[in-house]
């Protein structure tokens, strides 16, 4: 009987030990080591989310996600481009150029890299570098009407009006309803004293998009010949976009000195006094 009990006790101890071992094994953590392919997939997914946040104006969150995506996959040029866009949105222009250089090192045949570089160079007032970057991008993508238009704008800044007009014309041939290029042709022709051509161009731009800029541009052109219509157009322009009452804002939109002078005369008209005051007050409220 005593031996029997001893056997039971030994058996119980063995069973207990066995179950204890099983229990210990059950709580040992299992580590998952992702493959490079999985990391790459995750990085692209994170990059996509970063781009979406950028679109919705969540610039800081977008930047953090874009940095993470690049850490996971530093060999993907698209992720460097997204990071650069997030850095531009956060006004980190030097870092953005570094990111774009990294993207270019991986793949130098992507036009968006050079267009983004041009954007950064313009923001830091390096027009020559901006122009060179655009020209590189256009060589890769010769039918990009927006890039050609932007190159025309740089020539407009340089007061190379004839060169700007030619580029705007090229842009319009690719996209005939591109009213911005038609409008900017009107700006260039006015500085070359071709007021009648400017009138036609501003009218053409308005027929596509009744925007404040061509409305006020046309008003300034016809102020001497048809003051009544000029007043009506100016009122409509200021109601649509009060910022055009401001000289510096118009300068940012590449208005030349001659058109600026003509516009200042127009806005001093007594019939526009209330409209000018209202426009200025709206600018103050929004700032």
C-alpha atoms as a PDB file:
ATOM      1  CA  UNK A   1       0.000   0.000   0.000  1.00  0.00           C
ATOM      2  CA  UNK A   2       2.840   2.289   0.924  1.00  0.00           C
ATOM      3  CA  UNK A   3       4.566   1.523  -2.378  1.00  0.00           C
ATOM      4  CA  UNK A   4       1.316   2.186  -4.203  1.00  0.00           C
ATOM      5  CA  UNK A   5       1.047   5.675  -2.708  1.00  0.00           C
ATOM      6  CA  UNK A   6       4.677   6.357  -3.581  1.00  0.00           C
ATOM      7  CA  UNK A   7       3.931   5.502  -7.206  1.00  0.00           C
ATOM      8  CA  UNK A   8       0.929   7.834  -7.239  1.00  0.00           C
ATOM      9  CA  UNK A   9       3.011  10.666  -5.795  1.00  0.00           C
ATOM     10  CA  UNK A  10       5.826  10.133  -8.333  1.00  0.00           C
ATOM     11  CA  UNK A  11       3.319  10.000 -11.165  1.00  0.00           C
ATOM     12  CA  UNK A  12       1.659  13.199  -9.939  1.00  0.00           C
ATOM     13  CA  UNK A  13       5.006  15.001  -9.724  1.00  0.00           C
ATOM     14  CA  UNK A  14       5.961  13.946 -13.229  1.00  0.00           C
ATOM     15  CA  UNK A  15       2.590  15.104 -14.580  1.00  0.00           C
ATOM     16  CA  UNK A  16       2.858  18.365 -12.688  1.00  0.00           C
ATOM     17  CA  UNK A  17       6.351  18.940 -14.053  1.00  0.00           C
ATOM     18  CA  UNK A  18       5.165  18.163 -17.569  1.00  0.00           C
ATOM     19  CA  UNK A  19       2.234  20.597 -17.397  1.00  0.00           C
ATOM     20  CA  UNK A  20       4.439  23.270 -15.854  1.00  0.00           C
ATOM     21  CA  UNK A  21       6.884  22.963 -18.741  1.00  0.00           C
ATOM     22  CA  UNK A  22       4.026  23.199 -21.202  1.00  0.00           C
ATOM     23  CA  UNK A  23       2.731  26.301 -19.407  1.00  0.00           C
ATOM     24  CA  UNK A  24       6.141  28.001 -19.517  1.00  0.00           C
ATOM     25  CA  UNK A  25       6.501  27.228 -23.209  1.00  0.00           C
ATOM     26  CA  UNK A  26       3.059  28.661 -23.868  1.00  0.00           C
ATOM     27  CA  UNK A  27       3.987  32.147 -22.614  1.00  0.00           C
ATOM     28  CA  UNK A  28       7.293  32.498 -24.469  1.00  0.00           C
ATOM     29  CA  UNK A  29       6.717  35.450 -26.877  1.00  0.00           C
ATOM     30  CA  UNK A  30       6.764  34.853 -30.621  1.00  0.00           C
ATOM     31  CA  UNK A  31       8.685  37.484 -32.597  1.00  0.00           C
ATOM     32  CA  UNK A  32       7.707  38.273 -36.176  1.00  0.00           C
ATOM     33  CA  UNK A  33      10.539  39.528 -38.345  1.00  0.00           C
ATOM     34  CA  UNK A  34       9.090  41.195 -41.468  1.00  0.00           C
ATOM     35  CA  UNK A  35      10.741  40.600 -44.820  1.00  0.00           C
ATOM     36  CA  UNK A  36      12.185  43.397 -46.925  1.00  0.00           C
ATOM     37  CA  UNK A  37       9.240  43.007 -49.307  1.00  0.00           C
ATOM     38  CA  UNK A  38       6.758  43.511 -46.459  1.00  0.00           C
ATOM     39  CA  UNK A  39       8.638  46.557 -45.207  1.00  0.00           C
ATOM     40  CA  UNK A  40       8.552  48.042 -48.702  1.00  0.00           C
ATOM     41  CA  UNK A  41       4.800  47.480 -48.928  1.00  0.00           C
ATOM     42  CA  UNK A  42       4.299  49.102 -45.538  1.00  0.00           C
ATOM     43  CA  UNK A  43       6.464  52.074 -46.506  1.00  0.00           C
ATOM     44  CA  UNK A  44       4.390  52.731 -49.635  1.00  0.00           C
ATOM     45  CA  UNK A  45       1.185  52.504 -47.602  1.00  0.00           C
ATOM     46  CA  UNK A  46       2.590  54.961 -45.027  1.00  0.00           C
ATOM     47  CA  UNK A  47       3.764  57.257 -47.818  1.00  0.00           C
ATOM     48  CA  UNK A  48       0.276  57.245 -49.324  1.00  0.00           C
ATOM     49  CA  UNK A  49      -1.191  58.220 -45.949  1.00  0.00           C
ATOM     50  CA  UNK A  50       1.402  60.984 -45.599  1.00  0.00           C
ATOM     51  CA  UNK A  51       0.366  62.364 -48.990  1.00  0.00           C
ATOM     52  CA  UNK A  52      -3.314  62.283 -48.001  1.00  0.00           C
ATOM     53  CA  UNK A  53      -2.575  64.187 -44.781  1.00  0.00           C
ATOM     54  CA  UNK A  54      -0.693  66.741 -46.863  1.00  0.00           C
ATOM     55  CA  UNK A  55      -3.743  67.144 -49.098  1.00  0.00           C
ATOM     56  CA  UNK A  56      -5.938  67.804 -46.050  1.00  0.00           C
ATOM     57  CA  UNK A  57      -3.541  70.407 -44.660  1.00  0.00           C
ATOM     58  CA  UNK A  58      -2.155  68.322 -41.777  1.00  0.00           C
ATOM     59  CA  UNK A  59       1.401  69.304 -42.637  1.00  0.00           C
ATOM     60  CA  UNK A  60       3.252  68.305 -39.459  1.00  0.00           C
ATOM     61  CA  UNK A  61       1.622  64.856 -39.257  1.00  0.00           C
ATOM     62  CA  UNK A  62       2.303  64.361 -42.953  1.00  0.00           C
ATOM     63  CA  UNK A  63       5.976  65.203 -42.439  1.00  0.00           C
ATOM     64  CA  UNK A  64       6.343  62.706 -39.581  1.00  0.00           C
ATOM     65  CA  UNK A  65       4.745  59.900 -41.581  1.00  0.00           C
ATOM     66  CA  UNK A  66       6.828  60.702 -44.677  1.00  0.00           C
ATOM     67  CA  UNK A  67      10.019  60.530 -42.598  1.00  0.00           C
ATOM     68  CA  UNK A  68       8.974  57.110 -41.277  1.00  0.00           C
ATOM     69  CA  UNK A  69       8.213  55.861 -44.794  1.00  0.00           C
ATOM     70  CA  UNK A  70      11.665  56.888 -46.025  1.00  0.00           C
ATOM     71  CA  UNK A  71      13.337  55.193 -43.040  1.00  0.00           C
ATOM     72  CA  UNK A  72      11.584  51.949 -43.943  1.00  0.00           C
ATOM     73  CA  UNK A  73      12.433  52.206 -47.630  1.00  0.00           C
ATOM     74  CA  UNK A  74      15.149  54.683 -48.590  1.00  0.00           C
ATOM     75  CA  UNK A  75      15.462  53.290 -52.117  1.00  0.00           C
ATOM     76  CA  UNK A  76      12.006  54.398 -53.297  1.00  0.00           C
ATOM     77  CA  UNK A  77      12.178  57.772 -55.088  1.00  0.00           C
ATOM     78  CA  UNK A  78       8.407  58.338 -54.747  1.00  0.00           C
ATOM     79  CA  UNK A  79       8.755  58.394 -50.964  1.00  0.00           C
ATOM     80  CA  UNK A  80      11.533  60.995 -51.179  1.00  0.00           C
ATOM     81  CA  UNK A  81       9.232  63.079 -53.372  1.00  0.00           C
ATOM     82  CA  UNK A  82       6.418  62.848 -50.827  1.00  0.00           C
ATOM     83  CA  UNK A  83       8.841  63.772 -48.051  1.00  0.00           C
ATOM     84  CA  UNK A  84      10.009  66.773 -50.089  1.00  0.00           C
ATOM     85  CA  UNK A  85       6.411  67.926 -50.606  1.00  0.00           C
ATOM     86  CA  UNK A  86       5.774  67.655 -46.855  1.00  0.00           C
ATOM     87  CA  UNK A  87       8.978  69.571 -46.139  1.00  0.00           C
ATOM     88  CA  UNK A  88       7.955  72.315 -48.586  1.00  0.00           C
ATOM     89  CA  UNK A  89       4.563  72.575 -46.863  1.00  0.00           C
ATOM     90  CA  UNK A  90       6.397  72.960 -43.549  1.00  0.00           C
ATOM     91  CA  UNK A  91       8.753  75.555 -45.123  1.00  0.00           C
ATOM     92  CA  UNK A  92      11.788  73.320 -44.673  1.00  0.00           C
ATOM     93  CA  UNK A  93      13.189  74.308 -48.072  1.00  0.00           C
ATOM     94  CA  UNK A  94      16.800  73.196 -47.547  1.00  0.00           C
ATOM     95  CA  UNK A  95      15.658  69.764 -46.358  1.00  0.00           C
ATOM     96  CA  UNK A  96      13.269  69.545 -49.303  1.00  0.00           C
ATOM     97  CA  UNK A  97      16.113  70.123 -51.765  1.00  0.00           C
ATOM     98  CA  UNK A  98      18.146  67.402 -50.029  1.00  0.00           C
ATOM     99  CA  UNK A  99      15.208  64.983 -50.351  1.00  0.00           C
ATOM    100  CA  UNK A 100      14.775  65.849 -54.030  1.00  0.00           C
ATOM    101  CA  UNK A 101      18.486  65.273 -54.623  1.00  0.00           C
ATOM    102  CA  UNK A 102      18.120  61.819 -53.041  1.00  0.00           C
ATOM    103  CA  UNK A 103      15.176  61.086 -55.362  1.00  0.00           C
ATOM    104  CA  UNK A 104      17.215  62.259 -58.368  1.00  0.00           C
ATOM    105  CA  UNK A 105      20.113  59.969 -57.383  1.00  0.00           C
ATOM    106  CA  UNK A 106      17.745  56.989 -57.414  1.00  0.00           C
ATOM    107  CA  UNK A 107      15.977  57.918 -60.653  1.00  0.00           C
ATOM    108  CA  UNK A 108      16.968  61.003 -62.648  1.00  0.00           C
ATOM    109  CA  UNK A 109      14.283  60.465 -65.282  1.00  0.00           C
ATOM    110  CA  UNK A 110      11.293  61.710 -63.267  1.00  0.00           C
ATOM    111  CA  UNK A 111      10.034  65.142 -64.330  1.00  0.00           C
ATOM    112  CA  UNK A 112       8.246  65.785 -61.015  1.00  0.00           C
ATOM    113  CA  UNK A 113      11.602  65.949 -59.225  1.00  0.00           C
ATOM    114  CA  UNK A 114      12.712  68.940 -61.303  1.00  0.00           C
ATOM    115  CA  UNK A 115       9.321  70.660 -61.152  1.00  0.00           C
ATOM    116  CA  UNK A 116       9.390  70.350 -57.352  1.00  0.00           C
ATOM    117  CA  UNK A 117      12.961  71.677 -57.275  1.00  0.00           C
ATOM    118  CA  UNK A 118      11.887  74.651 -59.358  1.00  0.00           C
ATOM    119  CA  UNK A 119       9.085  75.351 -56.891  1.00  0.00           C
ATOM    120  CA  UNK A 120      11.557  75.364 -53.989  1.00  0.00           C
ATOM    121  CA  UNK A 121      14.051  77.583 -55.816  1.00  0.00           C
ATOM    122  CA  UNK A 122      11.306  80.108 -56.558  1.00  0.00           C
ATOM    123  CA  UNK A 123      10.347  80.191 -52.886  1.00  0.00           C
ATOM    124  CA  UNK A 124      13.922  81.034 -51.915  1.00  0.00           C
ATOM    125  CA  UNK A 125      14.267  83.576 -54.768  1.00  0.00           C
ATOM    126  CA  UNK A 126      16.746  81.643 -56.901  1.00  0.00           C
ATOM    127  CA  UNK A 127      15.146  82.232 -60.293  1.00  0.00           C
ATOM    128  CA  UNK A 128      18.045  81.004 -62.440  1.00  0.00           C
ATOM    129  CA  UNK A 129      18.138  77.638 -60.669  1.00  0.00           C
ATOM    130  CA  UNK A 130      14.338  77.463 -60.847  1.00  0.00           C
ATOM    131  CA  UNK A 131      14.476  78.030 -64.590  1.00  0.00           C
ATOM    132  CA  UNK A 132      17.192  75.384 -65.094  1.00  0.00           C
ATOM    133  CA  UNK A 133      15.213  72.845 -63.075  1.00  0.00           C
ATOM    134  CA  UNK A 134      12.059  73.504 -65.095  1.00  0.00           C
ATOM    135  CA  UNK A 135      13.938  73.128 -68.365  1.00  0.00           C
ATOM    136  CA  UNK A 136      15.259  69.719 -67.232  1.00  0.00           C
ATOM    137  CA  UNK A 137      11.750  68.617 -66.297  1.00  0.00           C
ATOM    138  CA  UNK A 138      10.255  69.811 -69.581  1.00  0.00           C
ATOM    139  CA  UNK A 139      12.864  67.812 -71.533  1.00  0.00           C
ATOM    140  CA  UNK A 140      11.496  64.700 -69.859  1.00  0.00           C
ATOM    141  CA  UNK A 141       7.845  65.781 -70.148  1.00  0.00           C
ATOM    142  CA  UNK A 142       7.636  68.204 -73.104  1.00  0.00           C
ATOM    143  CA  UNK A 143       3.823  68.494 -73.112  1.00  0.00           C
ATOM    144  CA  UNK A 144       3.370  69.552 -69.495  1.00  0.00           C
ATOM    145  CA  UNK A 145       1.423  72.800 -70.038  1.00  0.00           C
ATOM    146  CA  UNK A 146       1.724  73.870 -66.392  1.00  0.00           C
ATOM    147  CA  UNK A 147       5.514  73.545 -66.385  1.00  0.00           C
ATOM    148  CA  UNK A 148       5.794  75.481 -69.649  1.00  0.00           C
ATOM    149  CA  UNK A 149       3.508  78.143 -68.166  1.00  0.00           C
ATOM    150  CA  UNK A 150       5.682  78.362 -65.051  1.00  0.00           C
ATOM    151  CA  UNK A 151       8.788  78.773 -67.209  1.00  0.00           C
ATOM    152  CA  UNK A 152       6.973  81.600 -69.012  1.00  0.00           C
ATOM    153  CA  UNK A 153       6.257  83.190 -65.630  1.00  0.00           C
ATOM    154  CA  UNK A 154       9.962  83.199 -64.789  1.00  0.00           C
ATOM    155  CA  UNK A 155      10.662  84.979 -68.083  1.00  0.00           C
ATOM    156  CA  UNK A 156       7.899  87.420 -67.167  1.00  0.00           C
ATOM    157  CA  UNK A 157       9.719  88.120 -63.883  1.00  0.00           C
ATOM    158  CA  UNK A 158      12.894  88.721 -65.878  1.00  0.00           C
ATOM    159  CA  UNK A 159      10.958  91.143 -68.116  1.00  0.00           C
ATOM    160  CA  UNK A 160      11.673  88.949 -71.117  1.00  0.00           C
ATOM    161  CA  UNK A 161       8.155  89.597 -72.391  1.00  0.00           C
ATOM    162  CA  UNK A 162       8.579  88.202 -75.875  1.00  0.00           C
ATOM    163  CA  UNK A 163      10.064  84.959 -74.554  1.00  0.00           C
ATOM    164  CA  UNK A 164       7.257  84.692 -71.998  1.00  0.00           C
ATOM    165  CA  UNK A 165       4.591  85.243 -74.659  1.00  0.00           C
ATOM    166  CA  UNK A 166       6.030  82.420 -76.784  1.00  0.00           C
ATOM    167  CA  UNK A 167       5.982  79.993 -73.859  1.00  0.00           C
ATOM    168  CA  UNK A 168       2.440  80.984 -72.885  1.00  0.00           C
ATOM    169  CA  UNK A 169       1.401  80.425 -76.492  1.00  0.00           C
ATOM    170  CA  UNK A 170       2.998  76.961 -76.423  1.00  0.00           C
ATOM    171  CA  UNK A 171       1.133  76.151 -73.212  1.00  0.00           C
ATOM    172  CA  UNK A 172      -2.190  77.297 -74.719  1.00  0.00           C
ATOM    173  CA  UNK A 173      -1.656  75.124 -77.810  1.00  0.00           C
ATOM    174  CA  UNK A 174      -1.407  72.096 -75.520  1.00  0.00           C
ATOM    175  CA  UNK A 175      -4.418  73.192 -73.430  1.00  0.00           C
ATOM    176  CA  UNK A 176      -6.580  75.742 -75.295  1.00  0.00           C
ATOM    177  CA  UNK A 177      -8.797  76.550 -72.277  1.00  0.00           C
ATOM    178  CA  UNK A 178      -5.834  77.366 -70.027  1.00  0.00           C
ATOM    179  CA  UNK A 179      -7.075  80.834 -69.117  1.00  0.00           C
ATOM    180  CA  UNK A 180      -4.161  81.574 -66.768  1.00  0.00           C
ATOM    181  CA  UNK A 181      -1.692  81.445 -69.685  1.00  0.00           C
ATOM    182  CA  UNK A 182      -4.000  83.609 -71.826  1.00  0.00           C
ATOM    183  CA  UNK A 183      -4.276  86.089 -68.946  1.00  0.00           C
ATOM    184  CA  UNK A 184      -0.499  86.238 -68.487  1.00  0.00           C
ATOM    185  CA  UNK A 185      -0.044  86.848 -72.181  1.00  0.00           C
ATOM    186  CA  UNK A 186      -2.255  89.891 -71.604  1.00  0.00           C
ATOM    187  CA  UNK A 187       0.086  91.033 -68.791  1.00  0.00           C
ATOM    188  CA  UNK A 188       3.125  90.668 -71.049  1.00  0.00           C
ATOM    189  CA  UNK A 189       1.593  92.451 -74.042  1.00  0.00           C
ATOM    190  CA  UNK A 190       0.544  95.423 -71.873  1.00  0.00           C
ATOM    191  CA  UNK A 191       4.166  95.936 -70.788  1.00  0.00           C
ATOM    192  CA  UNK A 192       5.111  95.932 -74.489  1.00  0.00           C
ATOM    193  CA  UNK A 193       2.505  98.703 -75.038  1.00  0.00           C
ATOM    194  CA  UNK A 194       0.234  96.397 -77.082  1.00  0.00           C
ATOM    195  CA  UNK A 195      -2.890  97.431 -75.177  1.00  0.00           C
ATOM    196  CA  UNK A 196      -5.367  96.332 -77.851  1.00  0.00           C
ATOM    197  CA  UNK A 197      -3.894  92.828 -77.873  1.00  0.00           C
ATOM    198  CA  UNK A 198      -4.061  92.769 -74.058  1.00  0.00           C
ATOM    199  CA  UNK A 199      -7.755  93.689 -74.199  1.00  0.00           C
ATOM    200  CA  UNK A 200      -8.507  90.748 -76.514  1.00  0.00           C
ATOM    201  CA  UNK A 201      -6.525  88.370 -74.356  1.00  0.00           C
ATOM    202  CA  UNK A 202      -8.188  89.458 -71.104  1.00  0.00           C
ATOM    203  CA  UNK A 203     -11.592  89.138 -72.793  1.00  0.00           C
ATOM    204  CA  UNK A 204     -10.660  85.646 -73.996  1.00  0.00           C
ATOM    205  CA  UNK A 205      -9.555  84.627 -70.490  1.00  0.00           C
ATOM    206  CA  UNK A 206     -12.835  85.948 -69.001  1.00  0.00           C
ATOM    207  CA  UNK A 207     -14.878  83.966 -71.533  1.00  0.00           C
ATOM    208  CA  UNK A 208     -13.285  80.802 -70.106  1.00  0.00           C
ATOM    209  CA  UNK A 209     -13.178  81.804 -66.416  1.00  0.00           C
ATOM    210  CA  UNK A 210     -14.676  85.009 -65.017  1.00  0.00           C
ATOM    211  CA  UNK A 211     -11.770  85.439 -62.626  1.00  0.00           C
ATOM    212  CA  UNK A 212     -10.878  88.642 -60.747  1.00  0.00           C
ATOM    213  CA  UNK A 213      -7.463  88.969 -62.403  1.00  0.00           C
ATOM    214  CA  UNK A 214      -8.501  89.283 -66.076  1.00  0.00           C
ATOM    215  CA  UNK A 215     -11.541  91.340 -65.008  1.00  0.00           C
ATOM    216  CA  UNK A 216      -9.353  93.946 -63.319  1.00  0.00           C
ATOM    217  CA  UNK A 217      -6.740  93.688 -66.059  1.00  0.00           C
ATOM    218  CA  UNK A 218      -9.370  94.425 -68.697  1.00  0.00           C
ATOM    219  CA  UNK A 219     -10.784  97.272 -66.583  1.00  0.00           C
ATOM    220  CA  UNK A 220      -7.339  98.879 -66.403  1.00  0.00           C
ATOM    221  CA  UNK A 221      -6.894  98.514 -70.167  1.00  0.00           C
ATOM    222  CA  UNK A 222     -10.175 100.227 -71.109  1.00  0.00           C
ATOM    223  CA  UNK A 223     -10.329 102.838 -68.338  1.00  0.00           C
ATOM    224  CA  UNK A 224      -9.505 105.687 -70.713  1.00  0.00           C
ATOM    225  CA  UNK A 225     -11.677 104.541 -73.629  1.00  0.00           C
ATOM    226  CA  UNK A 226     -14.682 103.267 -71.643  1.00  0.00           C
ATOM    227  CA  UNK A 227     -14.592 104.443 -68.023  1.00  0.00           C
ATOM    228  CA  UNK A 228     -18.162 103.305 -67.263  1.00  0.00           C
ATOM    229  CA  UNK A 229     -17.472  99.673 -68.234  1.00  0.00           C
ATOM    230  CA  UNK A 230     -14.073  99.795 -66.514  1.00  0.00           C
ATOM    231  CA  UNK A 231     -15.778 100.763 -63.219  1.00  0.00           C
ATOM    232  CA  UNK A 232     -18.270  97.888 -63.565  1.00  0.00           C
ATOM    233  CA  UNK A 233     -15.498  95.394 -64.256  1.00  0.00           C
ATOM    234  CA  UNK A 234     -13.373  96.666 -61.369  1.00  0.00           C
ATOM    235  CA  UNK A 235     -16.318  96.398 -58.946  1.00  0.00           C
ATOM    236  CA  UNK A 236     -16.902  92.812 -60.024  1.00  0.00           C
ATOM    237  CA  UNK A 237     -13.195  91.966 -59.738  1.00  0.00           C
ATOM    238  CA  UNK A 238     -12.867  93.348 -56.191  1.00  0.00           C
ATOM    239  CA  UNK A 239     -16.037  91.574 -55.107  1.00  0.00           C
ATOM    240  CA  UNK A 240     -14.690  88.260 -56.430  1.00  0.00           C
ATOM    241  CA  UNK A 241     -11.234  88.636 -54.917  1.00  0.00           C
ATOM    242  CA  UNK A 242     -10.539  91.635 -52.619  1.00  0.00           C
ATOM    243  CA  UNK A 243      -6.799  90.859 -52.586  1.00  0.00           C
ATOM    244  CA  UNK A 244      -6.442  92.459 -56.023  1.00  0.00           C
ATOM    245  CA  UNK A 245      -6.924  95.868 -54.404  1.00  0.00           C
ATOM    246  CA  UNK A 246      -3.410  95.435 -52.988  1.00  0.00           C
ATOM    247  CA  UNK A 247      -0.415  96.584 -55.077  1.00  0.00           C
ATOM    248  CA  UNK A 248       1.964  94.004 -53.581  1.00  0.00           C
ATOM    249  CA  UNK A 249      -0.466  91.166 -54.149  1.00  0.00           C
ATOM    250  CA  UNK A 250      -0.776  92.119 -57.828  1.00  0.00           C
ATOM    251  CA  UNK A 251       3.012  92.232 -58.002  1.00  0.00           C
ATOM    252  CA  UNK A 252       3.109  88.642 -56.694  1.00  0.00           C
ATOM    253  CA  UNK A 253       0.781  87.756 -59.575  1.00  0.00           C
ATOM    254  CA  UNK A 254       3.461  89.190 -61.905  1.00  0.00           C
ATOM    255  CA  UNK A 255       1.742  92.423 -62.880  1.00  0.00           C
ATOM    256  CA  UNK A 256       4.235  94.747 -64.551  1.00  0.00           C
ATOM    257  CA  UNK A 257       4.900  98.373 -63.673  1.00  0.00           C
ATOM    258  CA  UNK A 258       2.842  99.818 -66.524  1.00  0.00           C
ATOM    259  CA  UNK A 259      -0.286  97.819 -65.738  1.00  0.00           C
ATOM    260  CA  UNK A 260       0.195  98.535 -62.038  1.00  0.00           C
ATOM    261  CA  UNK A 261       0.301 102.269 -62.707  1.00  0.00           C
ATOM    262  CA  UNK A 262      -2.831 102.079 -64.858  1.00  0.00           C
ATOM    263  CA  UNK A 263      -4.635 100.053 -62.173  1.00  0.00           C
ATOM    264  CA  UNK A 264      -3.698 102.476 -59.386  1.00  0.00           C
ATOM    265  CA  UNK A 265      -5.235 105.327 -61.410  1.00  0.00           C
ATOM    266  CA  UNK A 266      -8.411 103.273 -61.910  1.00  0.00           C
ATOM    267  CA  UNK A 267      -8.741 102.393 -58.207  1.00  0.00           C
ATOM    268  CA  UNK A 268      -8.494 106.063 -57.238  1.00  0.00           C
ATOM    269  CA  UNK A 269     -11.743 106.760 -59.073  1.00  0.00           C
ATOM    270  CA  UNK A 270     -14.378 108.203 -56.716  1.00  0.00           C
ATOM    271  CA  UNK A 271     -16.967 105.695 -57.928  1.00  0.00           C
ATOM    272  CA  UNK A 272     -14.771 102.847 -56.628  1.00  0.00           C
ATOM    273  CA  UNK A 273     -14.038 104.424 -53.240  1.00  0.00           C
ATOM    274  CA  UNK A 274     -16.518 102.261 -51.281  1.00  0.00           C
ATOM    275  CA  UNK A 275     -15.451  99.108 -53.128  1.00  0.00           C
ATOM    276  CA  UNK A 276     -11.777  99.780 -52.391  1.00  0.00           C
ATOM    277  CA  UNK A 277     -12.465 100.420 -48.681  1.00  0.00           C
ATOM    278  CA  UNK A 278     -14.575  97.258 -48.440  1.00  0.00           C
ATOM    279  CA  UNK A 279     -11.930  95.175 -50.207  1.00  0.00           C
ATOM    280  CA  UNK A 280      -9.207  96.451 -47.865  1.00  0.00           C
ATOM    281  CA  UNK A 281     -11.354  95.717 -44.809  1.00  0.00           C
ATOM    282  CA  UNK A 282     -11.936  92.145 -46.012  1.00  0.00           C
ATOM    283  CA  UNK A 283      -8.194  91.648 -46.403  1.00  0.00           C
ATOM    284  CA  UNK A 284      -7.635  92.935 -42.859  1.00  0.00           C
ATOM    285  CA  UNK A 285     -10.285  90.580 -41.456  1.00  0.00           C
ATOM    286  CA  UNK A 286      -8.759  87.535 -43.146  1.00  0.00           C
ATOM    287  CA  UNK A 287      -5.165  88.298 -42.106  1.00  0.00           C
END
